[in-house]
Amino acid sequence: MSNKNEWPLWEVFIRSKAGLDHKHVGSLHAADAEMAIENARDVYTRRMEGVSIWVVESKNIIASDPKQSDSLYEPAADKVYRHPTFYNLPDEVKYM
């Protein structure tokens, strides 16, 4: 893979502070994982924004099809106990 056009695409995730989630910040091409980490550091953390970098080769990410979201999430609809909208809250309880 010497030609840059043949380098795989990597997805970059940055954790801005300890204890927070990693957030997807963008994509880049790199020859390997080490180069992807270094390039991600140079491109996405120039001002010390991050404490941790994850890179994942794009071909390894599997996503659900948005067109199938109804069938994918339908089983959760019959579990009303997960959505406590039927409880009456006393007036003393505010902002819940």
PDB file of N, CA and C in Angstrom:
ATOM      1  N   MET A   1       0.818  -1.195   0.000  1.00  0.00           N
ATOM      2  CA  MET A   1       0.000   0.000   0.000  1.00  0.00           C
ATOM      3  C   MET A   1       0.855   1.250   0.000  1.00  0.00           C
ATOM      4  N   SER A   2       1.621   1.432  -0.991  1.00  0.00           N
ATOM      5  CA  SER A   2       2.493   2.597  -1.040  1.00  0.00           C
ATOM      6  C   SER A   2       1.776   3.821  -1.592  1.00  0.00           C
ATOM      7  N   ASN A   3       0.776   3.630  -2.414  1.00  0.00           N
ATOM      8  CA  ASN A   3       0.049   4.737  -3.000  1.00  0.00           C
ATOM      9  C   ASN A   3      -0.971   5.269  -1.998  1.00  0.00           C
ATOM     10  N   LYS A   4      -0.951   6.570  -1.740  1.00  0.00           N
ATOM     11  CA  LYS A   4      -1.851   7.180  -0.758  1.00  0.00           C
ATOM     12  C   LYS A   4      -3.318   6.926  -1.095  1.00  0.00           C
ATOM     13  N   ASN A   5      -3.633   6.811  -2.385  1.00  0.00           N
ATOM     14  CA  ASN A   5      -5.009   6.553  -2.798  1.00  0.00           C
ATOM     15  C   ASN A   5      -5.483   5.168  -2.366  1.00  0.00           C
ATOM     16  N   GLU A   6      -4.554   4.302  -2.030  1.00  0.00           N
ATOM     17  CA  GLU A   6      -4.903   2.948  -1.615  1.00  0.00           C
ATOM     18  C   GLU A   6      -4.941   2.797  -0.094  1.00  0.00           C
ATOM     19  N   TRP A   7      -4.542   3.837   0.633  1.00  0.00           N
ATOM     20  CA  TRP A   7      -4.550   3.748   2.085  1.00  0.00           C
ATOM     21  C   TRP A   7      -5.988   3.626   2.585  1.00  0.00           C
ATOM     22  N   PRO A   8      -6.198   2.800   3.595  1.00  0.00           N
ATOM     23  CA  PRO A   8      -7.566   2.637   4.113  1.00  0.00           C
ATOM     24  C   PRO A   8      -8.047   3.889   4.847  1.00  0.00           C
ATOM     25  N   LEU A   9      -9.355   3.997   4.939  1.00  0.00           N
ATOM     26  CA  LEU A   9      -9.994   5.093   5.652  1.00  0.00           C
ATOM     27  C   LEU A   9     -10.155   4.702   7.116  1.00  0.00           C
ATOM     28  N   TRP A  10      -9.828   5.605   8.012  1.00  0.00           N
ATOM     29  CA  TRP A  10      -9.927   5.382   9.455  1.00  0.00           C
ATOM     30  C   TRP A  10     -10.901   6.395  10.049  1.00  0.00           C
ATOM     31  N   GLU A  11     -11.723   5.945  10.982  1.00  0.00           N
ATOM     32  CA  GLU A  11     -12.614   6.829  11.730  1.00  0.00           C
ATOM     33  C   GLU A  11     -11.908   7.195  13.031  1.00  0.00           C
ATOM     34  N   VAL A  12     -11.987   8.466  13.412  1.00  0.00           N
ATOM     35  CA  VAL A  12     -11.243   8.968  14.566  1.00  0.00           C
ATOM     36  C   VAL A  12     -12.227   9.373  15.669  1.00  0.00           C
ATOM     37  N   PHE A  13     -11.929   8.911  16.887  1.00  0.00           N
ATOM     38  CA  PHE A  13     -12.727   9.232  18.065  1.00  0.00           C
ATOM     39  C   PHE A  13     -11.793   9.851  19.104  1.00  0.00           C
ATOM     40  N   ILE A  14     -12.212  10.963  19.689  1.00  0.00           N
ATOM     41  CA  ILE A  14     -11.398  11.679  20.676  1.00  0.00           C
ATOM     42  C   ILE A  14     -12.160  11.766  21.993  1.00  0.00           C
ATOM     43  N   ARG A  15     -11.448  11.528  23.093  1.00  0.00           N
ATOM     44  CA  ARG A  15     -12.000  11.783  24.429  1.00  0.00           C
ATOM     45  C   ARG A  15     -11.414  13.115  24.882  1.00  0.00           C
ATOM     46  N   SER A  16     -12.266  14.096  25.121  1.00  0.00           N
ATOM     47  CA  SER A  16     -11.773  15.435  25.443  1.00  0.00           C
ATOM     48  C   SER A  16     -11.266  15.549  26.869  1.00  0.00           C
ATOM     49  N   LYS A  17     -11.893  14.834  27.803  1.00  0.00           N
ATOM     50  CA  LYS A  17     -11.470  14.859  29.204  1.00  0.00           C
ATOM     51  C   LYS A  17     -11.632  13.466  29.785  1.00  0.00           C
ATOM     52  N   ALA A  18     -10.851  13.166  30.800  1.00  0.00           N
ATOM     53  CA  ALA A  18     -10.977  11.873  31.468  1.00  0.00           C
ATOM     54  C   ALA A  18     -12.396  11.728  32.016  1.00  0.00           C
ATOM     55  N   GLY A  19     -12.977  10.562  31.835  1.00  0.00           N
ATOM     56  CA  GLY A  19     -14.314  10.293  32.329  1.00  0.00           C
ATOM     57  C   GLY A  19     -15.412  10.551  31.321  1.00  0.00           C
ATOM     58  N   LEU A  20     -15.114  11.257  30.233  1.00  0.00           N
ATOM     59  CA  LEU A  20     -16.118  11.517  29.206  1.00  0.00           C
ATOM     60  C   LEU A  20     -16.057  10.446  28.119  1.00  0.00           C
ATOM     61  N   ASP A  21     -17.087  10.415  27.290  1.00  0.00           N
ATOM     62  CA  ASP A  21     -17.136   9.473  26.178  1.00  0.00           C
ATOM     63  C   ASP A  21     -16.210   9.923  25.055  1.00  0.00           C
ATOM     64  N   HIS A  22     -15.758   8.954  24.264  1.00  0.00           N
ATOM     65  CA  HIS A  22     -15.068   9.284  23.022  1.00  0.00           C
ATOM     66  C   HIS A  22     -16.126   9.761  22.028  1.00  0.00           C
ATOM     67  N   LYS A  23     -15.817  10.785  21.272  1.00  0.00           N
ATOM     68  CA  LYS A  23     -16.733  11.327  20.262  1.00  0.00           C
ATOM     69  C   LYS A  23     -16.092  11.216  18.887  1.00  0.00           C
ATOM     70  N   HIS A  24     -16.904  10.872  17.904  1.00  0.00           N
ATOM     71  CA  HIS A  24     -16.408  10.805  16.535  1.00  0.00           C
ATOM     72  C   HIS A  24     -16.123  12.219  16.061  1.00  0.00           C
ATOM     73  N   VAL A  25     -14.902  12.439  15.574  1.00  0.00           N
ATOM     74  CA  VAL A  25     -14.511  13.779  15.143  1.00  0.00           C
ATOM     75  C   VAL A  25     -14.214  13.857  13.661  1.00  0.00           C
ATOM     76  N   GLY A  26     -14.062  12.723  13.009  1.00  0.00           N
ATOM     77  CA  GLY A  26     -13.785  12.760  11.578  1.00  0.00           C
ATOM     78  C   GLY A  26     -13.119  11.499  11.078  1.00  0.00           C
ATOM     79  N   SER A  27     -12.634  11.587   9.863  1.00  0.00           N
ATOM     80  CA  SER A  27     -12.011  10.453   9.184  1.00  0.00           C
ATOM     81  C   SER A  27     -10.704  10.900   8.562  1.00  0.00           C
ATOM     82  N   LEU A  28      -9.828   9.936   8.311  1.00  0.00           N
ATOM     83  CA  LEU A  28      -8.581  10.222   7.610  1.00  0.00           C
ATOM     84  C   LEU A  28      -8.055   8.951   6.976  1.00  0.00           C
ATOM     85  N   HIS A  29      -7.180   9.119   5.998  1.00  0.00           N
ATOM     86  CA  HIS A  29      -6.523   7.984   5.360  1.00  0.00           C
ATOM     87  C   HIS A  29      -5.146   7.818   5.982  1.00  0.00           C
ATOM     88  N   ALA A  30      -4.765   6.577   6.230  1.00  0.00           N
ATOM     89  CA  ALA A  30      -3.437   6.270   6.767  1.00  0.00           C
ATOM     90  C   ALA A  30      -3.063   4.859   6.353  1.00  0.00           C
ATOM     91  N   ALA A  31      -1.764   4.607   6.288  1.00  0.00           N
ATOM     92  CA  ALA A  31      -1.277   3.301   5.856  1.00  0.00           C
ATOM     93  C   ALA A  31      -1.528   2.220   6.900  1.00  0.00           C
ATOM     94  N   ASP A  32      -1.469   2.584   8.196  1.00  0.00           N
ATOM     95  CA  ASP A  32      -1.669   1.603   9.260  1.00  0.00           C
ATOM     96  C   ASP A  32      -2.198   2.313  10.510  1.00  0.00           C
ATOM     97  N   ALA A  33      -2.461   1.535  11.566  1.00  0.00           N
ATOM     98  CA  ALA A  33      -3.048   2.091  12.787  1.00  0.00           C
ATOM     99  C   ALA A  33      -2.134   3.105  13.462  1.00  0.00           C
ATOM    100  N   GLU A  34      -0.849   2.833  13.489  1.00  0.00           N
ATOM    101  CA  GLU A  34       0.092   3.769  14.120  1.00  0.00           C
ATOM    102  C   GLU A  34       0.085   5.121  13.408  1.00  0.00           C
ATOM    103  N   MET A  35       0.112   5.085  12.076  1.00  0.00           N
ATOM    104  CA  MET A  35       0.071   6.326  11.313  1.00  0.00           C
ATOM    105  C   MET A  35      -1.278   7.029  11.514  1.00  0.00           C
ATOM    106  N   ALA A  36      -2.351   6.271  11.625  1.00  0.00           N
ATOM    107  CA  ALA A  36      -3.672   6.861  11.838  1.00  0.00           C
ATOM    108  C   ALA A  36      -3.728   7.593  13.181  1.00  0.00           C
ATOM    109  N   ILE A  37      -3.151   7.007  14.227  1.00  0.00           N
ATOM    110  CA  ILE A  37      -3.108   7.663  15.544  1.00  0.00           C
ATOM    111  C   ILE A  37      -2.298   8.961  15.452  1.00  0.00           C
ATOM    112  N   GLU A  38      -1.137   8.885  14.827  1.00  0.00           N
ATOM    113  CA  GLU A  38      -0.282  10.075  14.716  1.00  0.00           C
ATOM    114  C   GLU A  38      -0.958  11.177  13.905  1.00  0.00           C
ATOM    115  N   ASN A  39      -1.572  10.797  12.782  1.00  0.00           N
ATOM    116  CA  ASN A  39      -2.263  11.789  11.964  1.00  0.00           C
ATOM    117  C   ASN A  39      -3.474  12.363  12.695  1.00  0.00           C
ATOM    118  N   ALA A  40      -4.182  11.518  13.418  1.00  0.00           N
ATOM    119  CA  ALA A  40      -5.342  11.990  14.184  1.00  0.00           C
ATOM    120  C   ALA A  40      -4.901  12.983  15.252  1.00  0.00           C
ATOM    121  N   ARG A  41      -3.794  12.696  15.902  1.00  0.00           N
ATOM    122  CA  ARG A  41      -3.251  13.634  16.896  1.00  0.00           C
ATOM    123  C   ARG A  41      -2.943  14.972  16.245  1.00  0.00           C
ATOM    124  N   ASP A  42      -2.290  14.937  15.087  1.00  0.00           N
ATOM    125  CA  ASP A  42      -1.890  16.165  14.406  1.00  0.00           C
ATOM    126  C   ASP A  42      -3.093  16.959  13.884  1.00  0.00           C
ATOM    127  N   VAL A  43      -4.096  16.262  13.402  1.00  0.00           N
ATOM    128  CA  VAL A  43      -5.229  16.931  12.773  1.00  0.00           C
ATOM    129  C   VAL A  43      -6.301  17.349  13.785  1.00  0.00           C
ATOM    130  N   TYR A  44      -6.604  16.480  14.756  1.00  0.00           N
ATOM    131  CA  TYR A  44      -7.773  16.701  15.609  1.00  0.00           C
ATOM    132  C   TYR A  44      -7.459  17.145  17.037  1.00  0.00           C
ATOM    133  N   THR A  45      -6.183  17.183  17.424  1.00  0.00           N
ATOM    134  CA  THR A  45      -5.869  17.608  18.803  1.00  0.00           C
ATOM    135  C   THR A  45      -4.741  18.633  18.806  1.00  0.00           C
ATOM    136  N   ARG A  46      -4.764  19.545  17.885  1.00  0.00           N
ATOM    137  CA  ARG A  46      -3.704  20.539  17.766  1.00  0.00           C
ATOM    138  C   ARG A  46      -3.633  21.482  18.961  1.00  0.00           C
ATOM    139  N   ARG A  47      -4.740  21.679  19.636  1.00  0.00           N
ATOM    140  CA  ARG A  47      -4.774  22.617  20.766  1.00  0.00           C
ATOM    141  C   ARG A  47      -4.978  21.889  22.088  1.00  0.00           C
ATOM    142  N   MET A  48      -4.445  20.699  22.188  1.00  0.00           N
ATOM    143  CA  MET A  48      -4.528  19.906  23.428  1.00  0.00           C
ATOM    144  C   MET A  48      -5.979  19.595  23.811  1.00  0.00           C
ATOM    145  N   GLU A  49      -6.837  19.342  22.804  1.00  0.00           N
ATOM    146  CA  GLU A  49      -8.251  19.083  23.079  1.00  0.00           C
ATOM    147  C   GLU A  49      -8.523  17.701  23.653  1.00  0.00           C
ATOM    148  N   GLY A  50      -7.606  16.776  23.512  1.00  0.00           N
ATOM    149  CA  GLY A  50      -7.932  15.404  23.865  1.00  0.00           C
ATOM    150  C   GLY A  50      -7.000  14.770  24.871  1.00  0.00           C
ATOM    151  N   VAL A  51      -7.511  13.726  25.513  1.00  0.00           N
ATOM    152  CA  VAL A  51      -6.685  12.923  26.414  1.00  0.00           C
ATOM    153  C   VAL A  51      -6.563  11.482  25.913  1.00  0.00           C
ATOM    154  N   SER A  52      -7.368  11.126  24.896  1.00  0.00           N
ATOM    155  CA  SER A  52      -7.334   9.766  24.368  1.00  0.00           C
ATOM    156  C   SER A  52      -7.829   9.786  22.924  1.00  0.00           C
ATOM    157  N   ILE A  53      -7.183   8.980  22.087  1.00  0.00           N
ATOM    158  CA  ILE A  53      -7.563   8.871  20.676  1.00  0.00           C
ATOM    159  C   ILE A  53      -7.836   7.410  20.352  1.00  0.00           C
ATOM    160  N   TRP A  54      -8.944   7.164  19.695  1.00  0.00           N
ATOM    161  CA  TRP A  54      -9.240   5.847  19.132  1.00  0.00           C
ATOM    162  C   TRP A  54      -9.298   6.002  17.622  1.00  0.00           C
ATOM    163  N   VAL A  55      -8.747   5.050  16.900  1.00  0.00           N
ATOM    164  CA  VAL A  55      -8.926   4.976  15.455  1.00  0.00           C
ATOM    165  C   VAL A  55      -9.432   3.586  15.112  1.00  0.00           C
ATOM    166  N   VAL A  56     -10.388   3.534  14.201  1.00  0.00           N
ATOM    167  CA  VAL A  56     -10.978   2.271  13.769  1.00  0.00           C
ATOM    168  C   VAL A  56     -11.038   2.302  12.256  1.00  0.00           C
ATOM    169  N   GLU A  57     -10.508   1.253  11.655  1.00  0.00           N
ATOM    170  CA  GLU A  57     -10.572   1.186  10.203  1.00  0.00           C
ATOM    171  C   GLU A  57     -12.046   1.120   9.789  1.00  0.00           C
ATOM    172  N   SER A  58     -12.439   1.995   8.895  1.00  0.00           N
ATOM    173  CA  SER A  58     -13.853   2.139   8.527  1.00  0.00           C
ATOM    174  C   SER A  58     -14.491   0.829   8.098  1.00  0.00           C
ATOM    175  N   LYS A  59     -13.743  -0.016   7.433  1.00  0.00           N
ATOM    176  CA  LYS A  59     -14.316  -1.278   6.947  1.00  0.00           C
ATOM    177  C   LYS A  59     -14.727  -2.194   8.098  1.00  0.00           C
ATOM    178  N   ASN A  60     -14.255  -1.929   9.308  1.00  0.00           N
ATOM    179  CA  ASN A  60     -14.591  -2.765  10.464  1.00  0.00           C
ATOM    180  C   ASN A  60     -15.803  -2.254  11.238  1.00  0.00           C
ATOM    181  N   ILE A  61     -16.407  -1.175  10.799  1.00  0.00           N
ATOM    182  CA  ILE A  61     -17.597  -0.644  11.466  1.00  0.00           C
ATOM    183  C   ILE A  61     -18.827  -1.180  10.760  1.00  0.00           C
ATOM    184  N   ILE A  62     -19.699  -1.777  11.527  1.00  0.00           N
ATOM    185  CA  ILE A  62     -20.954  -2.306  10.999  1.00  0.00           C
ATOM    186  C   ILE A  62     -22.078  -1.463  11.585  1.00  0.00           C
ATOM    187  N   ALA A  63     -22.963  -0.980  10.735  1.00  0.00           N
ATOM    188  CA  ALA A  63     -24.052  -0.119  11.184  1.00  0.00           C
ATOM    189  C   ALA A  63     -25.399  -0.710  10.794  1.00  0.00           C
ATOM    190  N   SER A  64     -26.404  -0.379  11.572  1.00  0.00           N
ATOM    191  CA  SER A  64     -27.754  -0.809  11.231  1.00  0.00           C
ATOM    192  C   SER A  64     -28.270   0.038  10.066  1.00  0.00           C
ATOM    193  N   ASP A  65     -29.252  -0.507   9.373  1.00  0.00           N
ATOM    194  CA  ASP A  65     -29.862   0.195   8.250  1.00  0.00           C
ATOM    195  C   ASP A  65     -31.002   1.058   8.785  1.00  0.00           C
ATOM    196  N   PRO A  66     -30.955   2.375   8.582  1.00  0.00           N
ATOM    197  CA  PRO A  66     -32.032   3.242   9.083  1.00  0.00           C
ATOM    198  C   PRO A  66     -33.415   2.836   8.584  1.00  0.00           C
ATOM    199  N   LYS A  67     -33.490   2.218   7.421  1.00  0.00           N
ATOM    200  CA  LYS A  67     -34.781   1.776   6.882  1.00  0.00           C
ATOM    201  C   LYS A  67     -35.377   0.643   7.713  1.00  0.00           C
ATOM    202  N   GLN A  68     -34.554  -0.049   8.482  1.00  0.00           N
ATOM    203  CA  GLN A  68     -35.025  -1.166   9.296  1.00  0.00           C
ATOM    204  C   GLN A  68     -35.175  -0.784  10.765  1.00  0.00           C
ATOM    205  N   SER A  69     -35.177   0.507  11.069  1.00  0.00           N
ATOM    206  CA  SER A  69     -35.221   0.924  12.465  1.00  0.00           C
ATOM    207  C   SER A  69     -36.502   0.488  13.166  1.00  0.00           C
ATOM    208  N   ASP A  70     -37.636   0.464  12.447  1.00  0.00           N
ATOM    209  CA  ASP A  70     -38.882   0.042  13.086  1.00  0.00           C
ATOM    210  C   ASP A  70     -38.782  -1.383  13.617  1.00  0.00           C
ATOM    211  N   SER A  71     -38.320  -2.302  12.797  1.00  0.00           N
ATOM    212  CA  SER A  71     -38.223  -3.691  13.237  1.00  0.00           C
ATOM    213  C   SER A  71     -37.094  -3.891  14.242  1.00  0.00           C
ATOM    214  N   LEU A  72     -36.050  -3.074  14.153  1.00  0.00           N
ATOM    215  CA  LEU A  72     -34.922  -3.212  15.069  1.00  0.00           C
ATOM    216  C   LEU A  72     -35.290  -2.761  16.472  1.00  0.00           C
ATOM    217  N   TYR A  73     -36.033  -1.666  16.566  1.00  0.00           N
ATOM    218  CA  TYR A  73     -36.350  -1.096  17.877  1.00  0.00           C
ATOM    219  C   TYR A  73     -37.756  -1.427  18.370  1.00  0.00           C
ATOM    220  N   GLU A  74     -38.563  -2.080  17.566  1.00  0.00           N
ATOM    221  CA  GLU A  74     -39.931  -2.415  17.950  1.00  0.00           C
ATOM    222  C   GLU A  74     -40.018  -3.229  19.237  1.00  0.00           C
ATOM    223  N   PRO A  75     -39.161  -4.210  19.464  1.00  0.00           N
ATOM    224  CA  PRO A  75     -39.292  -5.005  20.698  1.00  0.00           C
ATOM    225  C   PRO A  75     -39.257  -4.161  21.975  1.00  0.00           C
ATOM    226  N   ALA A  76     -38.625  -3.019  21.957  1.00  0.00           N
ATOM    227  CA  ALA A  76     -38.569  -2.169  23.152  1.00  0.00           C
ATOM    228  C   ALA A  76     -39.894  -1.473  23.410  1.00  0.00           C
ATOM    229  N   ALA A  77     -40.738  -1.342  22.405  1.00  0.00           N
ATOM    230  CA  ALA A  77     -42.008  -0.624  22.553  1.00  0.00           C
ATOM    231  C   ALA A  77     -42.970  -1.340  23.492  1.00  0.00           C
ATOM    232  N   ASP A  78     -42.857  -2.662  23.613  1.00  0.00           N
ATOM    233  CA  ASP A  78     -43.792  -3.386  24.474  1.00  0.00           C
ATOM    234  C   ASP A  78     -43.321  -3.466  25.933  1.00  0.00           C
ATOM    235  N   LYS A  79     -42.281  -2.769  26.269  1.00  0.00           N
ATOM    236  CA  LYS A  79     -41.750  -2.766  27.640  1.00  0.00           C
ATOM    237  C   LYS A  79     -42.053  -1.403  28.270  1.00  0.00           C
ATOM    238  N   VAL A  80     -43.324  -1.195  28.615  1.00  0.00           N
ATOM    239  CA  VAL A  80     -43.752   0.106  29.123  1.00  0.00           C
ATOM    240  C   VAL A  80     -43.069   0.471  30.435  1.00  0.00           C
ATOM    241  N   TYR A  81     -42.615  -0.529  31.171  1.00  0.00           N
ATOM    242  CA  TYR A  81     -41.958  -0.251  32.448  1.00  0.00           C
ATOM    243  C   TYR A  81     -40.638   0.489  32.257  1.00  0.00           C
ATOM    244  N   ARG A  82     -40.104   0.527  31.054  1.00  0.00           N
ATOM    245  CA  ARG A  82     -38.869   1.265  30.794  1.00  0.00           C
ATOM    246  C   ARG A  82     -39.129   2.763  30.611  1.00  0.00           C
ATOM    247  N   HIS A  83     -40.370   3.121  30.422  1.00  0.00           N
ATOM    248  CA  HIS A  83     -40.752   4.515  30.206  1.00  0.00           C
ATOM    249  C   HIS A  83     -41.795   4.881  31.252  1.00  0.00           C
ATOM    250  N   PRO A  84     -41.378   5.408  32.374  1.00  0.00           N
ATOM    251  CA  PRO A  84     -42.309   5.650  33.485  1.00  0.00           C
ATOM    252  C   PRO A  84     -43.185   6.884  33.280  1.00  0.00           C
ATOM    253  N   THR A  85     -43.845   6.960  32.139  1.00  0.00           N
ATOM    254  CA  THR A  85     -44.688   8.118  31.849  1.00  0.00           C
ATOM    255  C   THR A  85     -46.055   8.013  32.512  1.00  0.00           C
ATOM    256  N   PHE A  86     -46.386   6.869  33.058  1.00  0.00           N
ATOM    257  CA  PHE A  86     -47.712   6.681  33.642  1.00  0.00           C
ATOM    258  C   PHE A  86     -47.734   6.920  35.157  1.00  0.00           C
ATOM    259  N   TYR A  87     -46.620   7.350  35.731  1.00  0.00           N
ATOM    260  CA  TYR A  87     -46.569   7.640  37.157  1.00  0.00           C
ATOM    261  C   TYR A  87     -47.070   9.060  37.415  1.00  0.00           C
ATOM    262  N   ASN A  88     -47.794   9.218  38.511  1.00  0.00           N
ATOM    263  CA  ASN A  88     -48.204  10.558  38.959  1.00  0.00           C
ATOM    264  C   ASN A  88     -47.190  11.046  39.955  1.00  0.00           C
ATOM    265  N   LEU A  89     -46.610  12.196  39.682  1.00  0.00           N
ATOM    266  CA  LEU A  89     -45.618  12.771  40.589  1.00  0.00           C
ATOM    267  C   LEU A  89     -46.281  13.781  41.520  1.00  0.00           C
ATOM    268  N   PRO A  90     -45.893  13.760  42.782  1.00  0.00           N
ATOM    269  CA  PRO A  90     -46.435  14.771  43.693  1.00  0.00           C
ATOM    270  C   PRO A  90     -45.968  16.174  43.288  1.00  0.00           C
ATOM    271  N   ASP A  91     -46.728  17.182  43.666  1.00  0.00           N
ATOM    272  CA  ASP A  91     -46.386  18.559  43.314  1.00  0.00           C
ATOM    273  C   ASP A  91     -45.048  18.989  43.890  1.00  0.00           C
ATOM    274  N   GLU A  92     -44.627  18.367  45.006  1.00  0.00           N
ATOM    275  CA  GLU A  92     -43.357  18.732  45.642  1.00  0.00           C
ATOM    276  C   GLU A  92     -42.153  18.350  44.786  1.00  0.00           C
ATOM    277  N   VAL A  93     -42.336  17.391  43.902  1.00  0.00           N
ATOM    278  CA  VAL A  93     -41.237  16.943  43.045  1.00  0.00           C
ATOM    279  C   VAL A  93     -41.241  17.809  41.779  1.00  0.00           C
ATOM    280  N   LYS A  94     -40.203  18.592  41.639  1.00  0.00           N
ATOM    281  CA  LYS A  94     -40.124  19.493  40.491  1.00  0.00           C
ATOM    282  C   LYS A  94     -38.956  19.097  39.600  1.00  0.00           C
ATOM    283  N   TYR A  95     -39.070  19.434  38.350  1.00  0.00           N
ATOM    284  CA  TYR A  95     -37.977  19.263  37.373  1.00  0.00           C
ATOM    285  C   TYR A  95     -37.525  17.821  37.238  1.00  0.00           C
ATOM    286  N   MET A  96     -38.436  16.931  37.226  1.00  0.00           N
ATOM    287  CA  MET A  96     -38.072  15.526  37.028  1.00  0.00           C
ATOM    288  C   MET A  96     -38.463  15.087  35.657  1.00  0.00           C
TER     289      MET A  96
END
